[in-house]
Structures are given as structure tokens and as C-alpha cells.
Amino acid sequence: MFLTTGSIDKPHVIKGIVNATSHLMLSSETIDAFESIEQLFPDVEEKMKQIATDHNADGIVDIKFNTEVVQLQVAPKFLVVTGYGTMVSLID
């Protein structure tokens, strides 16, 4: 399984679009710990890999990530990372 933020120069078949999201709630003690968002990327990547594997894809190309800080009026802040890309199978 490979992941890339670019395209590939090998013949391939598109299997579909994949997306995954992970979040982290910041407690009142860590309300400004925005660097914690970095720990969410590997989780999103693993979720995307699992979905692609379930669809018999060889990899995911053109991956993009979206990061957000969500704050509800009553609740604490949430750090959210969403990743999406195109699942492909290589042609021999």
C-alpha cells in the first residue's frame, strides 16, 4: 500500500475516492496545544489505508489534508484532520 500527495506515472485503474477523519478534544488544561494536531495525521493515514485495502486498491494518490479547530459554545475545542484521495490499482 502506498500513499502519495502527487500522481503516479504508472498505468493504473481508479477504484474510487477515499476519505477519513480523526479528531482530538483539547481539555481546559491543554486548550492551546495546537501542535497536538500532528498526532492525528498517522491515524487518518491508517484509516485511509484500511479502506483502500478493503477495496483491493494498491495505493492512494493525490492525497489532500484539511485541518480544523472546532469550538462549540459550551464544549472545549476539537482538533480535526480529514484526509482524502483517489484509490488506485496498478496495471501490470
PDB file of N, CA and C in Angstrom:
ATOM      1  N   MET A   1       0.849  -1.176   0.000  1.00  0.00           N
ATOM      2  CA  MET A   1       0.000   0.000   0.000  1.00  0.00           C
ATOM      3  C   MET A   1       0.892   1.235   0.000  1.00  0.00           C
ATOM      4  N   PHE A   2       0.667   2.130  -0.944  1.00  0.00           N
ATOM      5  CA  PHE A   2       1.438   3.363  -0.975  1.00  0.00           C
ATOM      6  C   PHE A   2       0.490   4.555  -0.874  1.00  0.00           C
ATOM      7  N   LEU A   3       1.014   5.635  -0.338  1.00  0.00           N
ATOM      8  CA  LEU A   3       0.295   6.893  -0.232  1.00  0.00           C
ATOM      9  C   LEU A   3       1.163   7.973  -0.856  1.00  0.00           C
ATOM     10  N   THR A   4       0.563   8.871  -1.620  1.00  0.00           N
ATOM     11  CA  THR A   4       1.320   9.974  -2.196  1.00  0.00           C
ATOM     12  C   THR A   4       0.427  11.204  -2.346  1.00  0.00           C
ATOM     13  N   THR A   5       1.027  12.359  -2.160  1.00  0.00           N
ATOM     14  CA  THR A   5       0.287  13.601  -2.363  1.00  0.00           C
ATOM     15  C   THR A   5       0.313  14.031  -3.827  1.00  0.00           C
ATOM     16  N   GLY A   6       1.038  13.294  -4.650  1.00  0.00           N
ATOM     17  CA  GLY A   6       1.089  13.577  -6.077  1.00  0.00           C
ATOM     18  C   GLY A   6       0.460  12.459  -6.870  1.00  0.00           C
ATOM     19  N   SER A   7       0.638  12.526  -8.174  1.00  0.00           N
ATOM     20  CA  SER A   7       0.116  11.464  -9.043  1.00  0.00           C
ATOM     21  C   SER A   7       1.246  10.467  -9.324  1.00  0.00           C
ATOM     22  N   ILE A   8       0.924   9.419 -10.058  1.00  0.00           N
ATOM     23  CA  ILE A   8       1.929   8.414 -10.402  1.00  0.00           C
ATOM     24  C   ILE A   8       2.008   8.281 -11.916  1.00  0.00           C
ATOM     25  N   ASP A   9       3.170   7.846 -12.402  1.00  0.00           N
ATOM     26  CA  ASP A   9       3.403   7.716 -13.841  1.00  0.00           C
ATOM     27  C   ASP A   9       3.231   6.283 -14.322  1.00  0.00           C
ATOM     28  N   LYS A  10       2.622   5.432 -13.523  1.00  0.00           N
ATOM     29  CA  LYS A  10       2.412   4.040 -13.909  1.00  0.00           C
ATOM     30  C   LYS A  10       0.962   3.848 -14.330  1.00  0.00           C
ATOM     31  N   PRO A  11       0.713   2.908 -15.240  1.00  0.00           N
ATOM     32  CA  PRO A  11      -0.675   2.624 -15.623  1.00  0.00           C
ATOM     33  C   PRO A  11      -1.472   2.151 -14.405  1.00  0.00           C
ATOM     34  N   HIS A  12      -2.677   2.689 -14.264  1.00  0.00           N
ATOM     35  CA  HIS A  12      -3.484   2.332 -13.108  1.00  0.00           C
ATOM     36  C   HIS A  12      -4.974   2.468 -13.420  1.00  0.00           C
ATOM     37  N   VAL A  13      -5.764   1.863 -12.566  1.00  0.00           N
ATOM     38  CA  VAL A  13      -7.217   1.937 -12.651  1.00  0.00           C
ATOM     39  C   VAL A  13      -7.707   2.633 -11.388  1.00  0.00           C
ATOM     40  N   ILE A  14      -8.601   3.589 -11.546  1.00  0.00           N
ATOM     41  CA  ILE A  14      -9.164   4.292 -10.394  1.00  0.00           C
ATOM     42  C   ILE A  14     -10.215   3.412  -9.742  1.00  0.00           C
ATOM     43  N   LYS A  15     -10.077   3.231  -8.428  1.00  0.00           N
ATOM     44  CA  LYS A  15     -11.007   2.394  -7.669  1.00  0.00           C
ATOM     45  C   LYS A  15     -12.053   3.215  -6.924  1.00  0.00           C
ATOM     46  N   GLY A  16     -11.839   4.507  -6.799  1.00  0.00           N
ATOM     47  CA  GLY A  16     -12.790   5.367  -6.104  1.00  0.00           C
ATOM     48  C   GLY A  16     -12.087   6.365  -5.207  1.00  0.00           C
ATOM     49  N   ILE A  17     -12.889   7.120  -4.507  1.00  0.00           N
ATOM     50  CA  ILE A  17     -12.383   8.147  -3.605  1.00  0.00           C
ATOM     51  C   ILE A  17     -12.441   7.613  -2.181  1.00  0.00           C
ATOM     52  N   VAL A  18     -11.439   7.940  -1.402  1.00  0.00           N
ATOM     53  CA  VAL A  18     -11.381   7.529  -0.004  1.00  0.00           C
ATOM     54  C   VAL A  18     -11.233   8.776   0.862  1.00  0.00           C
ATOM     55  N   ASN A  19     -11.864   8.754   2.029  1.00  0.00           N
ATOM     56  CA  ASN A  19     -11.664   9.840   2.985  1.00  0.00           C
ATOM     57  C   ASN A  19     -11.742   9.274   4.393  1.00  0.00           C
ATOM     58  N   ALA A  20     -11.087   9.948   5.308  1.00  0.00           N
ATOM     59  CA  ALA A  20     -11.094   9.540   6.708  1.00  0.00           C
ATOM     60  C   ALA A  20     -10.870  10.774   7.569  1.00  0.00           C
ATOM     61  N   THR A  21     -11.409  10.731   8.771  1.00  0.00           N
ATOM     62  CA  THR A  21     -11.313  11.848   9.704  1.00  0.00           C
ATOM     63  C   THR A  21     -10.903  11.345  11.075  1.00  0.00           C
ATOM     64  N   SER A  22     -10.110  12.151  11.756  1.00  0.00           N
ATOM     65  CA  SER A  22      -9.732  11.869  13.135  1.00  0.00           C
ATOM     66  C   SER A  22      -9.806  13.180  13.907  1.00  0.00           C
ATOM     67  N   HIS A  23     -10.127  13.092  15.193  1.00  0.00           N
ATOM     68  CA  HIS A  23     -10.228  14.309  15.989  1.00  0.00           C
ATOM     69  C   HIS A  23      -9.650  14.099  17.383  1.00  0.00           C
ATOM     70  N   LEU A  24      -9.370  15.208  18.033  1.00  0.00           N
ATOM     71  CA  LEU A  24      -8.825  15.198  19.375  1.00  0.00           C
ATOM     72  C   LEU A  24      -9.478  16.336  20.147  1.00  0.00           C
ATOM     73  N   MET A  25     -10.021  16.017  21.317  1.00  0.00           N
ATOM     74  CA  MET A  25     -10.620  17.043  22.153  1.00  0.00           C
ATOM     75  C   MET A  25      -9.538  17.629  23.052  1.00  0.00           C
ATOM     76  N   LEU A  26      -9.444  18.944  23.062  1.00  0.00           N
ATOM     77  CA  LEU A  26      -8.488  19.610  23.941  1.00  0.00           C
ATOM     78  C   LEU A  26      -9.182  19.924  25.263  1.00  0.00           C
ATOM     79  N   SER A  27      -8.603  19.470  26.344  1.00  0.00           N
ATOM     80  CA  SER A  27      -9.176  19.769  27.661  1.00  0.00           C
ATOM     81  C   SER A  27      -8.875  21.216  28.031  1.00  0.00           C
ATOM     82  N   SER A  28      -9.469  21.679  29.092  1.00  0.00           N
ATOM     83  CA  SER A  28      -9.244  23.065  29.513  1.00  0.00           C
ATOM     84  C   SER A  28      -7.775  23.304  29.876  1.00  0.00           C
ATOM     85  N   GLU A  29      -7.070  22.253  30.308  1.00  0.00           N
ATOM     86  CA  GLU A  29      -5.651  22.404  30.643  1.00  0.00           C
ATOM     87  C   GLU A  29      -4.766  22.499  29.395  1.00  0.00           C
ATOM     88  N   THR A  30      -5.219  21.925  28.300  1.00  0.00           N
ATOM     89  CA  THR A  30      -4.417  21.907  27.070  1.00  0.00           C
ATOM     90  C   THR A  30      -5.110  22.665  25.942  1.00  0.00           C
ATOM     91  N   ILE A  31      -5.913  23.649  26.272  1.00  0.00           N
ATOM     92  CA  ILE A  31      -6.767  24.333  25.296  1.00  0.00           C
ATOM     93  C   ILE A  31      -5.979  24.982  24.148  1.00  0.00           C
ATOM     94  N   ASP A  32      -4.703  25.306  24.384  1.00  0.00           N
ATOM     95  CA  ASP A  32      -3.894  25.940  23.338  1.00  0.00           C
ATOM     96  C   ASP A  32      -2.811  25.014  22.779  1.00  0.00           C
ATOM     97  N   ALA A  33      -2.958  23.726  22.944  1.00  0.00           N
ATOM     98  CA  ALA A  33      -1.968  22.750  22.483  1.00  0.00           C
ATOM     99  C   ALA A  33      -2.226  22.366  21.025  1.00  0.00           C
ATOM    100  N   PHE A  34      -2.169  23.345  20.141  1.00  0.00           N
ATOM    101  CA  PHE A  34      -2.479  23.097  18.736  1.00  0.00           C
ATOM    102  C   PHE A  34      -1.479  22.186  18.046  1.00  0.00           C
ATOM    103  N   GLU A  35      -0.260  22.093  18.578  1.00  0.00           N
ATOM    104  CA  GLU A  35       0.732  21.197  17.973  1.00  0.00           C
ATOM    105  C   GLU A  35       0.300  19.734  18.094  1.00  0.00           C
ATOM    106  N   SER A  36      -0.671  19.458  18.943  1.00  0.00           N
ATOM    107  CA  SER A  36      -1.197  18.092  19.081  1.00  0.00           C
ATOM    108  C   SER A  36      -1.861  17.592  17.807  1.00  0.00           C
ATOM    109  N   ILE A  37      -2.164  18.496  16.897  1.00  0.00           N
ATOM    110  CA  ILE A  37      -2.825  18.097  15.648  1.00  0.00           C
ATOM    111  C   ILE A  37      -1.940  17.146  14.846  1.00  0.00           C
ATOM    112  N   GLU A  38      -0.622  17.246  15.037  1.00  0.00           N
ATOM    113  CA  GLU A  38       0.311  16.389  14.292  1.00  0.00           C
ATOM    114  C   GLU A  38       0.078  14.906  14.568  1.00  0.00           C
ATOM    115  N   GLN A  39      -0.373  14.564  15.751  1.00  0.00           N
ATOM    116  CA  GLN A  39      -0.592  13.155  16.082  1.00  0.00           C
ATOM    117  C   GLN A  39      -1.804  12.575  15.371  1.00  0.00           C
ATOM    118  N   LEU A  40      -2.634  13.412  14.779  1.00  0.00           N
ATOM    119  CA  LEU A  40      -3.831  12.925  14.089  1.00  0.00           C
ATOM    120  C   LEU A  40      -3.536  12.438  12.673  1.00  0.00           C
ATOM    121  N   PHE A  41      -2.482  12.944  12.042  1.00  0.00           N
ATOM    122  CA  PHE A  41      -2.179  12.569  10.662  1.00  0.00           C
ATOM    123  C   PHE A  41      -1.931  11.071  10.482  1.00  0.00           C
ATOM    124  N   PRO A  42      -1.095  10.429  11.324  1.00  0.00           N
ATOM    125  CA  PRO A  42      -0.896   8.981  11.155  1.00  0.00           C
ATOM    126  C   PRO A  42      -2.191   8.181  11.316  1.00  0.00           C
ATOM    127  N   ASP A  43      -3.070   8.621  12.207  1.00  0.00           N
ATOM    128  CA  ASP A  43      -4.349   7.936  12.398  1.00  0.00           C
ATOM    129  C   ASP A  43      -5.203   8.029  11.138  1.00  0.00           C
ATOM    130  N   VAL A  44      -5.252   9.205  10.541  1.00  0.00           N
ATOM    131  CA  VAL A  44      -6.010   9.386   9.300  1.00  0.00           C
ATOM    132  C   VAL A  44      -5.415   8.539   8.182  1.00  0.00           C
ATOM    133  N   GLU A  45      -4.095   8.520   8.082  1.00  0.00           N
ATOM    134  CA  GLU A  45      -3.427   7.717   7.051  1.00  0.00           C
ATOM    135  C   GLU A  45      -3.748   6.237   7.217  1.00  0.00           C
ATOM    136  N   GLU A  46      -3.709   5.736   8.445  1.00  0.00           N
ATOM    137  CA  GLU A  46      -4.014   4.321   8.688  1.00  0.00           C
ATOM    138  C   GLU A  46      -5.460   3.992   8.333  1.00  0.00           C
ATOM    139  N   LYS A  47      -6.374   4.885   8.667  1.00  0.00           N
ATOM    140  CA  LYS A  47      -7.781   4.665   8.312  1.00  0.00           C
ATOM    141  C   LYS A  47      -7.953   4.621   6.796  1.00  0.00           C
ATOM    142  N   MET A  48      -7.270   5.532   6.093  1.00  0.00           N
ATOM    143  CA  MET A  48      -7.362   5.563   4.635  1.00  0.00           C
ATOM    144  C   MET A  48      -6.780   4.287   4.037  1.00  0.00           C
ATOM    145  N   LYS A  49      -5.633   3.826   4.569  1.00  0.00           N
ATOM    146  CA  LYS A  49      -5.021   2.585   4.084  1.00  0.00           C
ATOM    147  C   LYS A  49      -5.965   1.406   4.259  1.00  0.00           C
ATOM    148  N   GLN A  50      -6.625   1.330   5.410  1.00  0.00           N
ATOM    149  CA  GLN A  50      -7.535   0.215   5.671  1.00  0.00           C
ATOM    150  C   GLN A  50      -8.710   0.220   4.696  1.00  0.00           C
ATOM    151  N   ILE A  51      -9.260   1.389   4.440  1.00  0.00           N
ATOM    152  CA  ILE A  51     -10.378   1.491   3.492  1.00  0.00           C
ATOM    153  C   ILE A  51      -9.917   1.078   2.098  1.00  0.00           C
ATOM    154  N   ALA A  52      -8.740   1.553   1.694  1.00  0.00           N
ATOM    155  CA  ALA A  52      -8.209   1.208   0.374  1.00  0.00           C
ATOM    156  C   ALA A  52      -7.931  -0.291   0.272  1.00  0.00           C
ATOM    157  N   THR A  53      -7.404  -0.880   1.322  1.00  0.00           N
ATOM    158  CA  THR A  53      -7.161  -2.325   1.346  1.00  0.00           C
ATOM    159  C   THR A  53      -8.470  -3.084   1.197  1.00  0.00           C
ATOM    160  N   ASP A  54      -9.504  -2.628   1.894  1.00  0.00           N
ATOM    161  CA  ASP A  54     -10.823  -3.262   1.802  1.00  0.00           C
ATOM    162  C   ASP A  54     -11.401  -3.200   0.391  1.00  0.00           C
ATOM    163  N   HIS A  55     -10.959  -2.212  -0.400  1.00  0.00           N
ATOM    164  CA  HIS A  55     -11.414  -2.068  -1.793  1.00  0.00           C
ATOM    165  C   HIS A  55     -10.414  -2.664  -2.781  1.00  0.00           C
ATOM    166  N   ASN A  56      -9.450  -3.432  -2.276  1.00  0.00           N
ATOM    167  CA  ASN A  56      -8.421  -4.083  -3.105  1.00  0.00           C
ATOM    168  C   ASN A  56      -7.612  -3.097  -3.935  1.00  0.00           C
ATOM    169  N   ALA A  57      -7.364  -1.926  -3.395  1.00  0.00           N
ATOM    170  CA  ALA A  57      -6.535  -0.930  -4.080  1.00  0.00           C
ATOM    171  C   ALA A  57      -5.071  -1.161  -3.719  1.00  0.00           C
ATOM    172  N   ASP A  58      -4.177  -0.733  -4.604  1.00  0.00           N
ATOM    173  CA  ASP A  58      -2.741  -0.835  -4.342  1.00  0.00           C
ATOM    174  C   ASP A  58      -2.207   0.399  -3.630  1.00  0.00           C
ATOM    175  N   GLY A  59      -2.912   1.512  -3.768  1.00  0.00           N
ATOM    176  CA  GLY A  59      -2.435   2.738  -3.149  1.00  0.00           C
ATOM    177  C   GLY A  59      -3.447   3.861  -3.266  1.00  0.00           C
ATOM    178  N   ILE A  60      -3.039   5.001  -2.732  1.00  0.00           N
ATOM    179  CA  ILE A  60      -3.877   6.200  -2.773  1.00  0.00           C
ATOM    180  C   ILE A  60      -3.018   7.336  -3.302  1.00  0.00           C
ATOM    181  N   VAL A  61      -3.527   8.039  -4.299  1.00  0.00           N
ATOM    182  CA  VAL A  61      -2.797   9.147  -4.923  1.00  0.00           C
ATOM    183  C   VAL A  61      -3.543  10.458  -4.693  1.00  0.00           C
ATOM    184  N   ASP A  62      -2.815  11.544  -4.927  1.00  0.00           N
ATOM    185  CA  ASP A  62      -3.371  12.898  -4.826  1.00  0.00           C
ATOM    186  C   ASP A  62      -4.043  13.153  -3.476  1.00  0.00           C
ATOM    187  N   ILE A  63      -3.398  12.693  -2.413  1.00  0.00           N
ATOM    188  CA  ILE A  63      -3.954  12.876  -1.064  1.00  0.00           C
ATOM    189  C   ILE A  63      -3.872  14.341  -0.655  1.00  0.00           C
ATOM    190  N   LYS A  64      -4.941  14.809  -0.075  1.00  0.00           N
ATOM    191  CA  LYS A  64      -5.013  16.168   0.476  1.00  0.00           C
ATOM    192  C   LYS A  64      -5.473  16.041   1.926  1.00  0.00           C
ATOM    193  N   PHE A  65      -5.069  16.988   2.743  1.00  0.00           N
ATOM    194  CA  PHE A  65      -5.486  17.019   4.134  1.00  0.00           C
ATOM    195  C   PHE A  65      -6.131  18.363   4.438  1.00  0.00           C
ATOM    196  N   ASN A  66      -7.136  18.313   5.276  1.00  0.00           N
ATOM    197  CA  ASN A  66      -7.791  19.522   5.759  1.00  0.00           C
ATOM    198  C   ASN A  66      -7.706  19.504   7.276  1.00  0.00           C
ATOM    199  N   THR A  67      -7.284  20.607   7.871  1.00  0.00           N
ATOM    200  CA  THR A  67      -7.212  20.694   9.326  1.00  0.00           C
ATOM    201  C   THR A  67      -8.165  21.781   9.804  1.00  0.00           C
ATOM    202  N   GLU A  68      -8.794  21.521  10.944  1.00  0.00           N
ATOM    203  CA  GLU A  68      -9.732  22.483  11.513  1.00  0.00           C
ATOM    204  C   GLU A  68      -9.595  22.512  13.029  1.00  0.00           C
ATOM    205  N   VAL A  69      -9.881  23.661  13.583  1.00  0.00           N
ATOM    206  CA  VAL A  69     -10.067  23.795  15.023  1.00  0.00           C
ATOM    207  C   VAL A  69     -11.525  24.160  15.206  1.00  0.00           C
ATOM    208  N   VAL A  70     -12.261  23.280  15.865  1.00  0.00           N
ATOM    209  CA  VAL A  70     -13.697  23.467  16.042  1.00  0.00           C
ATOM    210  C   VAL A  70     -13.963  23.782  17.504  1.00  0.00           C
ATOM    211  N   GLN A  71     -14.684  24.857  17.732  1.00  0.00           N
ATOM    212  CA  GLN A  71     -15.039  25.202  19.109  1.00  0.00           C
ATOM    213  C   GLN A  71     -16.542  25.398  19.191  1.00  0.00           C
ATOM    214  N   LEU A  72     -17.163  24.590  20.026  1.00  0.00           N
ATOM    215  CA  LEU A  72     -18.580  24.726  20.280  1.00  0.00           C
ATOM    216  C   LEU A  72     -18.754  25.690  21.449  1.00  0.00           C
ATOM    217  N   GLN A  73     -19.916  26.276  21.583  1.00  0.00           N
ATOM    218  CA  GLN A  73     -20.116  27.279  22.627  1.00  0.00           C
ATOM    219  C   GLN A  73     -19.887  26.736  24.027  1.00  0.00           C
ATOM    220  N   VAL A  74     -20.382  25.564  24.306  1.00  0.00           N
ATOM    221  CA  VAL A  74     -20.288  25.022  25.654  1.00  0.00           C
ATOM    222  C   VAL A  74     -19.122  24.053  25.809  1.00  0.00           C
ATOM    223  N   ALA A  75     -18.776  23.372  24.750  1.00  0.00           N
ATOM    224  CA  ALA A  75     -17.758  22.318  24.818  1.00  0.00           C
ATOM    225  C   ALA A  75     -16.363  22.888  24.570  1.00  0.00           C
ATOM    226  N   PRO A  76     -15.324  22.101  24.868  1.00  0.00           N
ATOM    227  CA  PRO A  76     -13.949  22.523  24.581  1.00  0.00           C
ATOM    228  C   PRO A  76     -13.656  22.478  23.084  1.00  0.00           C
ATOM    229  N   LYS A  77     -12.446  22.839  22.735  1.00  0.00           N
ATOM    230  CA  LYS A  77     -12.028  22.835  21.329  1.00  0.00           C
ATOM    231  C   LYS A  77     -11.728  21.415  20.861  1.00  0.00           C
ATOM    232  N   PHE A  78     -11.946  21.193  19.568  1.00  0.00           N
ATOM    233  CA  PHE A  78     -11.590  19.937  18.925  1.00  0.00           C
ATOM    234  C   PHE A  78     -10.633  20.239  17.790  1.00  0.00           C
ATOM    235  N   LEU A  79      -9.589  19.442  17.682  1.00  0.00           N
ATOM    236  CA  LEU A  79      -8.707  19.483  16.525  1.00  0.00           C
ATOM    237  C   LEU A  79      -9.170  18.378  15.597  1.00  0.00           C
ATOM    238  N   VAL A  80      -9.365  18.710  14.321  1.00  0.00           N
ATOM    239  CA  VAL A  80      -9.908  17.755  13.365  1.00  0.00           C
ATOM    240  C   VAL A  80      -9.008  17.717  12.130  1.00  0.00           C
ATOM    241  N   VAL A  81      -8.653  16.510  11.699  1.00  0.00           N
ATOM    242  CA  VAL A  81      -7.904  16.319  10.447  1.00  0.00           C
ATOM    243  C   VAL A  81      -8.714  15.375   9.568  1.00  0.00           C
ATOM    244  N   THR A  82      -8.946  15.804   8.333  1.00  0.00           N
ATOM    245  CA  THR A  82      -9.615  14.971   7.340  1.00  0.00           C
ATOM    246  C   THR A  82      -8.662  14.790   6.168  1.00  0.00           C
ATOM    247  N   GLY A  83      -8.534  13.559   5.717  1.00  0.00           N
ATOM    248  CA  GLY A  83      -7.714  13.261   4.551  1.00  0.00           C
ATOM    249  C   GLY A  83      -8.572  12.639   3.475  1.00  0.00           C
ATOM    250  N   TYR A  84      -8.254  12.939   2.221  1.00  0.00           N
ATOM    251  CA  TYR A  84      -8.985  12.332   1.107  1.00  0.00           C
ATOM    252  C   TYR A  84      -8.054  12.177  -0.085  1.00  0.00           C
ATOM    253  N   GLY A  85      -8.372  11.184  -0.919  1.00  0.00           N
ATOM    254  CA  GLY A  85      -7.543  10.913  -2.083  1.00  0.00           C
ATOM    255  C   GLY A  85      -8.236   9.933  -2.993  1.00  0.00           C
ATOM    256  N   THR A  86      -7.535   9.486  -4.026  1.00  0.00           N
ATOM    257  CA  THR A  86      -8.074   8.578  -5.024  1.00  0.00           C
ATOM    258  C   THR A  86      -7.407   7.220  -4.889  1.00  0.00           C
ATOM    259  N   MET A  87      -8.226   6.184  -4.670  1.00  0.00           N
ATOM    260  CA  MET A  87      -7.704   4.818  -4.587  1.00  0.00           C
ATOM    261  C   MET A  87      -7.417   4.325  -6.001  1.00  0.00           C
ATOM    262  N   VAL A  88      -6.273   3.656  -6.179  1.00  0.00           N
ATOM    263  CA  VAL A  88      -5.908   3.123  -7.495  1.00  0.00           C
ATOM    264  C   VAL A  88      -5.365   1.705  -7.359  1.00  0.00           C
ATOM    265  N   SER A  89      -5.498   0.971  -8.438  1.00  0.00           N
ATOM    266  CA  SER A  89      -4.859  -0.338  -8.589  1.00  0.00           C
ATOM    267  C   SER A  89      -3.919  -0.238  -9.772  1.00  0.00           C
ATOM    268  N   LEU A  90      -2.703  -0.704  -9.586  1.00  0.00           N
ATOM    269  CA  LEU A  90      -1.718  -0.672 -10.666  1.00  0.00           C
ATOM    270  C   LEU A  90      -2.014  -1.765 -11.687  1.00  0.00           C
ATOM    271  N   ILE A  91      -1.739  -1.450 -12.938  1.00  0.00           N
ATOM    272  CA  ILE A  91      -1.911  -2.420 -14.027  1.00  0.00           C
ATOM    273  C   ILE A  91      -0.539  -2.993 -14.349  1.00  0.00           C
ATOM    274  N   ASP A  92      -0.454  -4.315 -14.345  1.00  0.00           N
ATOM    275  CA  ASP A  92       0.842  -4.974 -14.613  1.00  0.00           C
ATOM    276  C   ASP A  92       1.246  -4.850 -16.063  1.00  0.00           C
TER     277      ASP A  92
END
